[in-house]
């Protein structure tokens, strides 16, 4: 990990920013765009600002993959599943192997 304490953010080059970017994300909680130290640099370098925005979006979506689902299946879905299990999931005669309408409400 880079030592970020001696960086002059006002004179930082694009190449330096790209070198430090992984560490900036790691230490900044994934919100580099909200760090006031970079406001001037990102305003002067729109390509870097766009890169930061893209990386923040990717990080946000990646993090959401590990969160609990917001929506649980309704009681009706669970009831339909239980009914099908009790009936036995034969149903080959309808060509759907008994899986039709399991998720309907």
PDB file of N, CA and C in Angstrom:
ATOM      1  N   UNK A   1       0.845  -1.176   0.000  1.00  0.00           N
ATOM      2  CA  UNK A   1       0.000   0.000   0.000  1.00  0.00           C
ATOM      3  C   UNK A   1       0.886   1.232   0.000  1.00  0.00           C
ATOM      4  N   UNK A   2       0.492   2.233  -0.747  1.00  0.00           N
ATOM      5  CA  UNK A   2       1.270   3.461  -0.864  1.00  0.00           C
ATOM      6  C   UNK A   2       1.117   4.329   0.377  1.00  0.00           C
ATOM      7  N   UNK A   3       2.161   5.121   0.635  1.00  0.00           N
ATOM      8  CA  UNK A   3       2.095   6.094   1.713  1.00  0.00           C
ATOM      9  C   UNK A   3       1.448   7.354   1.150  1.00  0.00           C
ATOM     10  N   UNK A   4       0.208   7.607   1.538  1.00  0.00           N
ATOM     11  CA  UNK A   4      -0.548   8.729   0.985  1.00  0.00           C
ATOM     12  C   UNK A   4      -0.356  10.019   1.759  1.00  0.00           C
ATOM     13  N   UNK A   5       0.431   9.974   2.827  1.00  0.00           N
ATOM     14  CA  UNK A   5       0.570  11.161   3.682  1.00  0.00           C
ATOM     15  C   UNK A   5       1.439  12.239   3.063  1.00  0.00           C
ATOM     16  N   UNK A   6       2.348  11.893   2.167  1.00  0.00           N
ATOM     17  CA  UNK A   6       3.273  12.872   1.597  1.00  0.00           C
ATOM     18  C   UNK A   6       2.890  13.313   0.191  1.00  0.00           C
ATOM     19  N   UNK A   7       1.695  13.012  -0.231  1.00  0.00           N
ATOM     20  CA  UNK A   7       1.260  13.369  -1.583  1.00  0.00           C
ATOM     21  C   UNK A   7       0.752  14.804  -1.592  1.00  0.00           C
ATOM     22  N   UNK A   8       1.209  15.569  -2.571  1.00  0.00           N
ATOM     23  CA  UNK A   8       0.682  16.918  -2.762  1.00  0.00           C
ATOM     24  C   UNK A   8      -0.460  16.795  -3.765  1.00  0.00           C
ATOM     25  N   UNK A   9      -1.670  16.777  -3.273  1.00  0.00           N
ATOM     26  CA  UNK A   9      -2.833  16.550  -4.126  1.00  0.00           C
ATOM     27  C   UNK A   9      -3.074  17.680  -5.119  1.00  0.00           C
ATOM     28  N   UNK A  10      -2.534  18.873  -4.819  1.00  0.00           N
ATOM     29  CA  UNK A  10      -2.729  20.009  -5.726  1.00  0.00           C
ATOM     30  C   UNK A  10      -1.828  19.944  -6.951  1.00  0.00           C
ATOM     31  N   UNK A  11      -0.686  19.259  -6.845  1.00  0.00           N
ATOM     32  CA  UNK A  11       0.236  19.178  -7.978  1.00  0.00           C
ATOM     33  C   UNK A  11       0.341  17.763  -8.543  1.00  0.00           C
ATOM     34  N   UNK A  12      -0.510  16.876  -8.088  1.00  0.00           N
ATOM     35  CA  UNK A  12      -0.480  15.480  -8.506  1.00  0.00           C
ATOM     36  C   UNK A  12      -0.760  15.379 -10.014  1.00  0.00           C
ATOM     37  N   UNK A  13      -0.017  14.521 -10.687  1.00  0.00           N
ATOM     38  CA  UNK A  13      -0.238  14.285 -12.116  1.00  0.00           C
ATOM     39  C   UNK A  13      -1.283  13.181 -12.286  1.00  0.00           C
ATOM     40  N   UNK A  14      -1.773  13.044 -13.495  1.00  0.00           N
ATOM     41  CA  UNK A  14      -2.736  11.982 -13.803  1.00  0.00           C
ATOM     42  C   UNK A  14      -2.091  10.619 -13.559  1.00  0.00           C
ATOM     43  N   UNK A  15      -0.840  10.468 -13.959  1.00  0.00           N
ATOM     44  CA  UNK A  15      -0.143   9.185 -13.771  1.00  0.00           C
ATOM     45  C   UNK A  15      -0.017   8.856 -12.280  1.00  0.00           C
ATOM     46  N   UNK A  16       0.307   9.858 -11.466  1.00  0.00           N
ATOM     47  CA  UNK A  16       0.395   9.629 -10.021  1.00  0.00           C
ATOM     48  C   UNK A  16      -0.965   9.251  -9.454  1.00  0.00           C
ATOM     49  N   UNK A  17      -1.992   9.950  -9.902  1.00  0.00           N
ATOM     50  CA  UNK A  17      -3.352   9.658  -9.431  1.00  0.00           C
ATOM     51  C   UNK A  17      -3.724   8.222  -9.759  1.00  0.00           C
ATOM     52  N   UNK A  18      -3.439   7.783 -10.973  1.00  0.00           N
ATOM     53  CA  UNK A  18      -3.762   6.410 -11.361  1.00  0.00           C
ATOM     54  C   UNK A  18      -2.966   5.396 -10.550  1.00  0.00           C
ATOM     55  N   UNK A  19      -1.746   5.749 -10.187  1.00  0.00           N
ATOM     56  CA  UNK A  19      -0.923   4.866  -9.359  1.00  0.00           C
ATOM     57  C   UNK A  19      -1.502   4.736  -7.957  1.00  0.00           C
ATOM     58  N   UNK A  20      -1.978   5.841  -7.413  1.00  0.00           N
ATOM     59  CA  UNK A  20      -2.498   5.857  -6.047  1.00  0.00           C
ATOM     60  C   UNK A  20      -3.966   5.442  -5.956  1.00  0.00           C
ATOM     61  N   UNK A  21      -4.657   5.388  -7.066  1.00  0.00           N
ATOM     62  CA  UNK A  21      -6.105   5.160  -7.064  1.00  0.00           C
ATOM     63  C   UNK A  21      -6.547   3.918  -6.294  1.00  0.00           C
ATOM     64  N   UNK A  22      -5.914   2.765  -6.470  1.00  0.00           N
ATOM     65  CA  UNK A  22      -6.360   1.598  -5.685  1.00  0.00           C
ATOM     66  C   UNK A  22      -6.270   1.829  -4.177  1.00  0.00           C
ATOM     67  N   UNK A  23      -5.184   2.476  -3.743  1.00  0.00           N
ATOM     68  CA  UNK A  23      -5.030   2.754  -2.318  1.00  0.00           C
ATOM     69  C   UNK A  23      -6.023   3.809  -1.840  1.00  0.00           C
ATOM     70  N   UNK A  24      -6.322   4.774  -2.707  1.00  0.00           N
ATOM     71  CA  UNK A  24      -7.300   5.800  -2.338  1.00  0.00           C
ATOM     72  C   UNK A  24      -8.675   5.181  -2.129  1.00  0.00           C
ATOM     73  N   UNK A  25      -9.024   4.210  -2.970  1.00  0.00           N
ATOM     74  CA  UNK A  25     -10.304   3.519  -2.792  1.00  0.00           C
ATOM     75  C   UNK A  25     -10.293   2.675  -1.532  1.00  0.00           C
ATOM     76  N   UNK A  26      -9.180   2.016  -1.282  1.00  0.00           N
ATOM     77  CA  UNK A  26      -9.088   1.137  -0.115  1.00  0.00           C
ATOM     78  C   UNK A  26      -9.162   1.916   1.191  1.00  0.00           C
ATOM     79  N   UNK A  27      -8.550   3.077   1.225  1.00  0.00           N
ATOM     80  CA  UNK A  27      -8.536   3.848   2.476  1.00  0.00           C
ATOM     81  C   UNK A  27      -9.688   4.830   2.577  1.00  0.00           C
ATOM     82  N   UNK A  28     -10.331   5.133   1.456  1.00  0.00           N
ATOM     83  CA  UNK A  28     -11.394   6.137   1.465  1.00  0.00           C
ATOM     84  C   UNK A  28     -12.787   5.562   1.501  1.00  0.00           C
ATOM     85  N   UNK A  29     -12.916   4.283   1.699  1.00  0.00           N
ATOM     86  CA  UNK A  29     -14.236   3.679   1.775  1.00  0.00           C
ATOM     87  C   UNK A  29     -14.981   3.659   0.452  1.00  0.00           C
ATOM     88  N   UNK A  30     -14.258   3.794  -0.663  1.00  0.00           N
ATOM     89  CA  UNK A  30     -14.896   3.715  -1.972  1.00  0.00           C
ATOM     90  C   UNK A  30     -15.549   4.990  -2.445  1.00  0.00           C
ATOM     91  N   UNK A  31     -15.306   6.109  -1.760  1.00  0.00           N
ATOM     92  CA  UNK A  31     -15.924   7.384  -2.151  1.00  0.00           C
ATOM     93  C   UNK A  31     -14.861   8.446  -2.387  1.00  0.00           C
ATOM     94  N   UNK A  32     -14.001   8.215  -3.359  1.00  0.00           N
ATOM     95  CA  UNK A  32     -12.934   9.153  -3.690  1.00  0.00           C
ATOM     96  C   UNK A  32     -13.528  10.484  -4.152  1.00  0.00           C
ATOM     97  N   UNK A  33     -14.637  10.436  -4.865  1.00  0.00           N
ATOM     98  CA  UNK A  33     -15.238  11.665  -5.399  1.00  0.00           C
ATOM     99  C   UNK A  33     -15.731  12.603  -4.304  1.00  0.00           C
ATOM    100  N   UNK A  34     -15.967  12.087  -3.121  1.00  0.00           N
ATOM    101  CA  UNK A  34     -16.448  12.914  -2.020  1.00  0.00           C
ATOM    102  C   UNK A  34     -15.319  13.437  -1.132  1.00  0.00           C
ATOM    103  N   UNK A  35     -14.093  13.030  -1.432  1.00  0.00           N
ATOM    104  CA  UNK A  35     -12.936  13.468  -0.652  1.00  0.00           C
ATOM    105  C   UNK A  35     -12.550  14.877  -1.099  1.00  0.00           C
ATOM    106  N   UNK A  36     -12.600  15.866  -0.194  1.00  0.00           N
ATOM    107  CA  UNK A  36     -12.309  17.251  -0.590  1.00  0.00           C
ATOM    108  C   UNK A  36     -10.881  17.465  -1.091  1.00  0.00           C
ATOM    109  N   UNK A  37      -9.961  16.573  -0.747  1.00  0.00           N
ATOM    110  CA  UNK A  37      -8.579  16.712  -1.224  1.00  0.00           C
ATOM    111  C   UNK A  37      -8.492  16.589  -2.735  1.00  0.00           C
ATOM    112  N   UNK A  38      -9.461  15.926  -3.364  1.00  0.00           N
ATOM    113  CA  UNK A  38      -9.404  15.678  -4.801  1.00  0.00           C
ATOM    114  C   UNK A  38     -10.336  16.567  -5.613  1.00  0.00           C
ATOM    115  N   UNK A  39     -11.060  17.450  -4.976  1.00  0.00           N
ATOM    116  CA  UNK A  39     -12.044  18.266  -5.689  1.00  0.00           C
ATOM    117  C   UNK A  39     -11.396  19.053  -6.817  1.00  0.00           C
ATOM    118  N   UNK A  40     -10.288  19.734  -6.524  1.00  0.00           N
ATOM    119  CA  UNK A  40      -9.599  20.546  -7.534  1.00  0.00           C
ATOM    120  C   UNK A  40      -9.027  19.660  -8.641  1.00  0.00           C
ATOM    121  N   UNK A  41      -8.402  18.556  -8.261  1.00  0.00           N
ATOM    122  CA  UNK A  41      -7.800  17.652  -9.238  1.00  0.00           C
ATOM    123  C   UNK A  41      -8.864  17.054 -10.161  1.00  0.00           C
ATOM    124  N   UNK A  42      -9.965  16.564  -9.592  1.00  0.00           N
ATOM    125  CA  UNK A  42     -11.009  15.938 -10.414  1.00  0.00           C
ATOM    126  C   UNK A  42     -11.703  16.957 -11.309  1.00  0.00           C
ATOM    127  N   UNK A  43     -11.837  18.203 -10.827  1.00  0.00           N
ATOM    128  CA  UNK A  43     -12.440  19.245 -11.654  1.00  0.00           C
ATOM    129  C   UNK A  43     -11.542  19.579 -12.852  1.00  0.00           C
ATOM    130  N   UNK A  44     -10.238  19.502 -12.649  1.00  0.00           N
ATOM    131  CA  UNK A  44      -9.294  19.817 -13.713  1.00  0.00           C
ATOM    132  C   UNK A  44      -9.030  18.630 -14.640  1.00  0.00           C
ATOM    133  N   UNK A  45      -9.436  17.441 -14.225  1.00  0.00           N
ATOM    134  CA  UNK A  45      -9.171  16.226 -15.007  1.00  0.00           C
ATOM    135  C   UNK A  45     -10.454  15.415 -15.174  1.00  0.00           C
ATOM    136  N   UNK A  46     -11.301  15.811 -16.113  1.00  0.00           N
ATOM    137  CA  UNK A  46     -12.604  15.140 -16.277  1.00  0.00           C
ATOM    138  C   UNK A  46     -12.499  13.650 -16.604  1.00  0.00           C
ATOM    139  N   UNK A  47     -11.435  13.223 -17.271  1.00  0.00           N
ATOM    140  CA  UNK A  47     -11.282  11.790 -17.548  1.00  0.00           C
ATOM    141  C   UNK A  47     -11.073  11.019 -16.251  1.00  0.00           C
ATOM    142  N   UNK A  48     -10.288  11.575 -15.347  1.00  0.00           N
ATOM    143  CA  UNK A  48     -10.071  10.932 -14.044  1.00  0.00           C
ATOM    144  C   UNK A  48     -11.359  10.942 -13.226  1.00  0.00           C
ATOM    145  N   UNK A  49     -12.111  12.044 -13.307  1.00  0.00           N
ATOM    146  CA  UNK A  49     -13.383  12.129 -12.591  1.00  0.00           C
ATOM    147  C   UNK A  49     -14.350  11.069 -13.105  1.00  0.00           C
ATOM    148  N   UNK A  50     -14.369  10.859 -14.423  1.00  0.00           N
ATOM    149  CA  UNK A  50     -15.251   9.838 -14.999  1.00  0.00           C
ATOM    150  C   UNK A  50     -14.806   8.441 -14.569  1.00  0.00           C
ATOM    151  N   UNK A  51     -13.496   8.215 -14.519  1.00  0.00           N
ATOM    152  CA  UNK A  51     -12.978   6.925 -14.066  1.00  0.00           C
ATOM    153  C   UNK A  51     -13.373   6.656 -12.618  1.00  0.00           C
ATOM    154  N   UNK A  52     -13.224   7.676 -11.779  1.00  0.00           N
ATOM    155  CA  UNK A  52     -13.602   7.541 -10.362  1.00  0.00           C
ATOM    156  C   UNK A  52     -15.091   7.234 -10.249  1.00  0.00           C
ATOM    157  N   UNK A  53     -15.894   7.937 -11.012  1.00  0.00           N
ATOM    158  CA  UNK A  53     -17.337   7.704 -10.979  1.00  0.00           C
ATOM    159  C   UNK A  53     -17.675   6.272 -11.382  1.00  0.00           C
ATOM    160  N   UNK A  54     -17.049   5.792 -12.447  1.00  0.00           N
ATOM    161  CA  UNK A  54     -17.284   4.415 -12.904  1.00  0.00           C
ATOM    162  C   UNK A  54     -16.854   3.401 -11.839  1.00  0.00           C
ATOM    163  N   UNK A  55     -15.688   3.616 -11.251  1.00  0.00           N
ATOM    164  CA  UNK A  55     -15.193   2.684 -10.232  1.00  0.00           C
ATOM    165  C   UNK A  55     -16.070   2.699  -8.981  1.00  0.00           C
ATOM    166  N   UNK A  56     -16.567   3.869  -8.611  1.00  0.00           N
ATOM    167  CA  UNK A  56     -17.471   3.949  -7.461  1.00  0.00           C
ATOM    168  C   UNK A  56     -18.768   3.197  -7.729  1.00  0.00           C
ATOM    169  N   UNK A  57     -19.274   3.310  -8.946  1.00  0.00           N
ATOM    170  CA  UNK A  57     -20.493   2.584  -9.313  1.00  0.00           C
ATOM    171  C   UNK A  57     -20.260   1.082  -9.268  1.00  0.00           C
ATOM    172  N   UNK A  58     -19.143   0.641  -9.820  1.00  0.00           N
ATOM    173  CA  UNK A  58     -18.813  -0.785  -9.805  1.00  0.00           C
ATOM    174  C   UNK A  58     -18.673  -1.277  -8.369  1.00  0.00           C
ATOM    175  N   UNK A  59     -17.975  -0.508  -7.534  1.00  0.00           N
ATOM    176  CA  UNK A  59     -17.780  -0.900  -6.131  1.00  0.00           C
ATOM    177  C   UNK A  59     -19.117  -0.989  -5.400  1.00  0.00           C
ATOM    178  N   UNK A  60     -20.013  -0.050  -5.684  1.00  0.00           N
ATOM    179  CA  UNK A  60     -21.335  -0.047  -5.044  1.00  0.00           C
ATOM    180  C   UNK A  60     -22.131  -1.296  -5.430  1.00  0.00           C
ATOM    181  N   UNK A  61     -22.133  -1.621  -6.712  1.00  0.00           N
ATOM    182  CA  UNK A  61     -22.857  -2.815  -7.162  1.00  0.00           C
ATOM    183  C   UNK A  61     -22.220  -4.094  -6.630  1.00  0.00           C
ATOM    184  N   UNK A  62     -20.900  -4.128  -6.585  1.00  0.00           N
ATOM    185  CA  UNK A  62     -20.208  -5.311  -6.057  1.00  0.00           C
ATOM    186  C   UNK A  62     -20.550  -5.505  -4.582  1.00  0.00           C
ATOM    187  N   UNK A  63     -20.578  -4.427  -3.839  1.00  0.00           N
ATOM    188  CA  UNK A  63     -20.912  -4.521  -2.417  1.00  0.00           C
ATOM    189  C   UNK A  63     -22.346  -4.995  -2.225  1.00  0.00           C
ATOM    190  N   UNK A  64     -23.243  -4.549  -3.084  1.00  0.00           N
ATOM    191  CA  UNK A  64     -24.649  -4.929  -2.942  1.00  0.00           C
ATOM    192  C   UNK A  64     -24.866  -6.420  -3.183  1.00  0.00           C
ATOM    193  N   UNK A  65     -23.932  -7.063  -3.877  1.00  0.00           N
ATOM    194  CA  UNK A  65     -24.063  -8.493  -4.121  1.00  0.00           C
ATOM    195  C   UNK A  65     -23.924  -9.304  -2.837  1.00  0.00           C
ATOM    196  N   UNK A  66     -23.298  -8.715  -1.819  1.00  0.00           N
ATOM    197  CA  UNK A  66     -23.071  -9.424  -0.569  1.00  0.00           C
ATOM    198  C   UNK A  66     -24.081  -9.062   0.506  1.00  0.00           C
ATOM    199  N   UNK A  67     -24.995  -8.162   0.191  1.00  0.00           N
ATOM    200  CA  UNK A  67     -26.024  -7.758   1.139  1.00  0.00           C
ATOM    201  C   UNK A  67     -27.199  -8.720   1.070  1.00  0.00           C
ATOM    202  N   UNK A  68     -27.977  -8.744   2.129  1.00  0.00           N
ATOM    203  CA  UNK A  68     -29.179  -9.581   2.167  1.00  0.00           C
ATOM    204  C   UNK A  68     -30.167  -9.094   1.116  1.00  0.00           C
ATOM    205  N   UNK A  69     -30.918  -9.995   0.527  1.00  0.00           N
ATOM    206  CA  UNK A  69     -31.916  -9.567  -0.463  1.00  0.00           C
ATOM    207  C   UNK A  69     -32.958  -8.653   0.177  1.00  0.00           C
ATOM    208  N   UNK A  70     -33.367  -7.667  -0.595  1.00  0.00           N
ATOM    209  CA  UNK A  70     -34.349  -6.704  -0.108  1.00  0.00           C
ATOM    210  C   UNK A  70     -35.747  -7.311  -0.114  1.00  0.00           C
ATOM    211  N   UNK A  71     -36.015  -8.140  -1.098  1.00  0.00           N
ATOM    212  CA  UNK A  71     -37.347  -8.708  -1.251  1.00  0.00           C
ATOM    213  C   UNK A  71     -37.309 -10.218  -1.027  1.00  0.00           C
ATOM    214  N   UNK A  72     -38.102 -10.658  -0.122  1.00  0.00           N
ATOM    215  CA  UNK A  72     -38.260 -12.090   0.113  1.00  0.00           C
ATOM    216  C   UNK A  72     -39.479 -12.568  -0.661  1.00  0.00           C
ATOM    217  N   UNK A  73     -39.494 -13.820  -1.073  1.00  0.00           N
ATOM    218  CA  UNK A  73     -40.687 -14.336  -1.746  1.00  0.00           C
ATOM    219  C   UNK A  73     -41.903 -14.229  -0.816  1.00  0.00           C
ATOM    220  N   UNK A  74     -43.038 -13.993  -1.410  1.00  0.00           N
ATOM    221  CA  UNK A  74     -44.260 -13.841  -0.619  1.00  0.00           C
ATOM    222  C   UNK A  74     -44.687 -15.180  -0.025  1.00  0.00           C
ATOM    223  N   UNK A  75     -45.590 -15.118   0.942  1.00  0.00           N
ATOM    224  CA  UNK A  75     -46.130 -16.335   1.545  1.00  0.00           C
ATOM    225  C   UNK A  75     -46.830 -17.207   0.507  1.00  0.00           C
ATOM    226  N   UNK A  76     -47.422 -16.575  -0.497  1.00  0.00           N
ATOM    227  CA  UNK A  76     -48.104 -17.324  -1.554  1.00  0.00           C
ATOM    228  C   UNK A  76     -47.113 -18.190  -2.329  1.00  0.00           C
ATOM    229  N   UNK A  77     -45.942 -17.654  -2.600  1.00  0.00           N
ATOM    230  CA  UNK A  77     -44.922 -18.431  -3.313  1.00  0.00           C
ATOM    231  C   UNK A  77     -44.541 -19.651  -2.489  1.00  0.00           C
ATOM    232  N   UNK A  78     -44.281 -19.449  -1.184  1.00  0.00           N
ATOM    233  CA  UNK A  78     -43.908 -20.576  -0.321  1.00  0.00           C
ATOM    234  C   UNK A  78     -45.044 -21.591  -0.227  1.00  0.00           C
ATOM    235  N   UNK A  79     -46.272 -21.098  -0.192  1.00  0.00           N
ATOM    236  CA  UNK A  79     -47.422 -21.981  -0.136  1.00  0.00           C
ATOM    237  C   UNK A  79     -47.523 -22.816  -1.414  1.00  0.00           C
ATOM    238  N   UNK A  80     -47.319 -22.188  -2.563  1.00  0.00           N
ATOM    239  CA  UNK A  80     -47.349 -22.911  -3.838  1.00  0.00           C
ATOM    240  C   UNK A  80     -46.253 -23.977  -3.900  1.00  0.00           C
ATOM    241  N   UNK A  81     -45.086 -23.643  -3.393  1.00  0.00           N
ATOM    242  CA  UNK A  81     -43.984 -24.619  -3.374  1.00  0.00           C
ATOM    243  C   UNK A  81     -44.350 -25.794  -2.475  1.00  0.00           C
ATOM    244  N   UNK A  82     -44.869 -25.501  -1.285  1.00  0.00           N
ATOM    245  CA  UNK A  82     -45.247 -26.563  -0.353  1.00  0.00           C
ATOM    246  C   UNK A  82     -46.322 -27.459  -0.952  1.00  0.00           C
ATOM    247  N   UNK A  83     -47.301 -26.862  -1.624  1.00  0.00           N
ATOM    248  CA  UNK A  83     -48.373 -27.640  -2.255  1.00  0.00           C
ATOM    249  C   UNK A  83     -47.802 -28.571  -3.314  1.00  0.00           C
ATOM    250  N   UNK A  84     -46.920 -28.054  -4.149  1.00  0.00           N
ATOM    251  CA  UNK A  84     -46.321 -28.880  -5.200  1.00  0.00           C
ATOM    252  C   UNK A  84     -45.501 -30.018  -4.600  1.00  0.00           C
ATOM    253  N   UNK A  85     -44.792 -29.738  -3.514  1.00  0.00           N
ATOM    254  CA  UNK A  85     -44.007 -30.795  -2.876  1.00  0.00           C
ATOM    255  C   UNK A  85     -44.909 -31.880  -2.302  1.00  0.00           C
ATOM    256  N   UNK A  86     -46.032 -31.464  -1.708  1.00  0.00           N
ATOM    257  CA  UNK A  86     -46.974 -32.442  -1.149  1.00  0.00           C
ATOM    258  C   UNK A  86     -47.596 -33.295  -2.245  1.00  0.00           C
ATOM    259  N   UNK A  87     -47.862 -32.683  -3.396  1.00  0.00           N
ATOM    260  CA  UNK A  87     -48.455 -33.402  -4.522  1.00  0.00           C
ATOM    261  C   UNK A  87     -47.431 -34.323  -5.168  1.00  0.00           C
ATOM    262  N   UNK A  88     -46.176 -34.060  -4.931  1.00  0.00           N
ATOM    263  CA  UNK A  88     -45.118 -34.800  -5.620  1.00  0.00           C
ATOM    264  C   UNK A  88     -44.844 -34.095  -6.922  1.00  0.00           C
ATOM    265  N   UNK A  89     -43.640 -33.789  -7.151  1.00  0.00           N
ATOM    266  CA  UNK A  89     -43.317 -33.007  -8.344  1.00  0.00           C
ATOM    267  C   UNK A  89     -43.175 -33.942  -9.531  1.00  0.00           C
ATOM    268  N   UNK A  90     -44.202 -34.733  -9.794  1.00  0.00           N
ATOM    269  CA  UNK A  90     -44.248 -35.567 -10.994  1.00  0.00           C
ATOM    270  C   UNK A  90     -44.582 -34.669 -12.148  1.00  0.00           C
ATOM    271  N   UNK A  91     -45.817 -34.577 -12.455  1.00  0.00           N
ATOM    272  CA  UNK A  91     -46.340 -33.650 -13.440  1.00  0.00           C
ATOM    273  C   UNK A  91     -45.739 -33.749 -14.831  1.00  0.00           C
ATOM    274  N   UNK A  92     -45.100 -34.882 -15.188  1.00  0.00           N
ATOM    275  CA  UNK A  92     -44.506 -34.969 -16.513  1.00  0.00           C
ATOM    276  C   UNK A  92     -45.555 -34.883 -17.615  1.00  0.00           C
ATOM    277  N   UNK A  93     -46.778 -35.188 -17.283  1.00  0.00           N
ATOM    278  CA  UNK A  93     -47.789 -35.189 -18.339  1.00  0.00           C
ATOM    279  C   UNK A  93     -48.043 -33.801 -18.904  1.00  0.00           C
ATOM    280  N   UNK A  94     -47.754 -32.743 -18.124  1.00  0.00           N
ATOM    281  CA  UNK A  94     -47.961 -31.407 -18.662  1.00  0.00           C
ATOM    282  C   UNK A  94     -46.692 -30.851 -19.313  1.00  0.00           C
ATOM    283  N   UNK A  95     -45.599 -31.626 -19.276  1.00  0.00           N
ATOM    284  CA  UNK A  95     -44.374 -31.232 -19.953  1.00  0.00           C
ATOM    285  C   UNK A  95     -43.538 -30.236 -19.173  1.00  0.00           C
ATOM    286  N   UNK A  96     -43.971 -29.853 -17.980  1.00  0.00           N
ATOM    287  CA  UNK A  96     -43.243 -28.848 -17.216  1.00  0.00           C
ATOM    288  C   UNK A  96     -42.622 -29.418 -15.957  1.00  0.00           C
ATOM    289  N   UNK A  97     -42.694 -30.695 -15.769  1.00  0.00           N
ATOM    290  CA  UNK A  97     -42.105 -31.359 -14.599  1.00  0.00           C
ATOM    291  C   UNK A  97     -42.605 -30.779 -13.280  1.00  0.00           C
ATOM    292  N   UNK A  98     -43.813 -30.277 -13.268  1.00  0.00           N
ATOM    293  CA  UNK A  98     -44.423 -29.797 -12.034  1.00  0.00           C
ATOM    294  C   UNK A  98     -43.880 -28.476 -11.532  1.00  0.00           C
ATOM    295  N   UNK A  99     -43.150 -27.727 -12.364  1.00  0.00           N
ATOM    296  CA  UNK A  99     -42.554 -26.489 -11.894  1.00  0.00           C
ATOM    297  C   UNK A  99     -43.321 -25.251 -12.321  1.00  0.00           C
ATOM    298  N   UNK A 100     -44.381 -25.435 -13.071  1.00  0.00           N
ATOM    299  CA  UNK A 100     -45.148 -24.268 -13.520  1.00  0.00           C
ATOM    300  C   UNK A 100     -45.877 -23.633 -12.344  1.00  0.00           C
ATOM    301  N   UNK A 101     -46.037 -22.340 -12.417  1.00  0.00           N
ATOM    302  CA  UNK A 101     -46.825 -21.555 -11.460  1.00  0.00           C
ATOM    303  C   UNK A 101     -46.282 -21.610 -10.031  1.00  0.00           C
ATOM    304  N   UNK A 102     -45.046 -21.980  -9.812  1.00  0.00           N
ATOM    305  CA  UNK A 102     -44.513 -21.991  -8.456  1.00  0.00           C
ATOM    306  C   UNK A 102     -44.344 -20.590  -7.920  1.00  0.00           C
ATOM    307  N   UNK A 103     -44.059 -19.639  -8.785  1.00  0.00           N
ATOM    308  CA  UNK A 103     -43.787 -18.298  -8.318  1.00  0.00           C
ATOM    309  C   UNK A 103     -44.942 -17.344  -8.588  1.00  0.00           C
ATOM    310  N   UNK A 104     -46.098 -17.834  -8.914  1.00  0.00           N
ATOM    311  CA  UNK A 104     -47.229 -16.949  -9.171  1.00  0.00           C
ATOM    312  C   UNK A 104     -47.935 -16.634  -7.877  1.00  0.00           C
ATOM    313  N   UNK A 105     -48.503 -15.457  -7.855  1.00  0.00           N
ATOM    314  CA  UNK A 105     -49.258 -15.043  -6.655  1.00  0.00           C
ATOM    315  C   UNK A 105     -50.729 -14.957  -6.965  1.00  0.00           C
TER     316      UNK A 105
END
